[in-house]
């Protein structure tokens, strides 16, 4: 059985591309050079995606008091010398990644992660760090797929 780890969509702004539910662990969407990022809208089953931008993620990273239990390990895969919690004199790329990873895990845990879009997560990263980021993204995707729903956690049987 073949399972694609990556789906690449080249978006020209004219064609509607449905995001996959199954089959790929990551979907990269590349807009054409003439498009504004504001013309891309992401949704699944009519529910708009939660877009995590640089501003949102760094705001979270600068203020969070308690990281998700898995955040530190994932951040260290990208930045091996990362230290938590203090001092918070991290470079912008570190702040961005800490915020993205921590918010994503927390959104998954509360069931609010129908579709999370990371905007330009590779910004500020060295190519070697960006390669490690891809591994982290796959791990987060696996975590989300294997996370039981709130109903399953409470022992309830989901209605079909």
Foldseek 3Di string as FASTA:
>chain_A
DDAAQEAEAEAALPDDDADDPGRYLYYHYHYDPVDDPVSDWDDDPPHTAAEQELVNQLVCLVDDDDFDPCLVVLLCLLVVPDDPDDDPPDDSLSSNSSSVSRVLVVCLVVVNPPDYHYDPNCPPGDVVSVVSVSVSSSVSSVCSVPDDDPCVVVVHDDDD
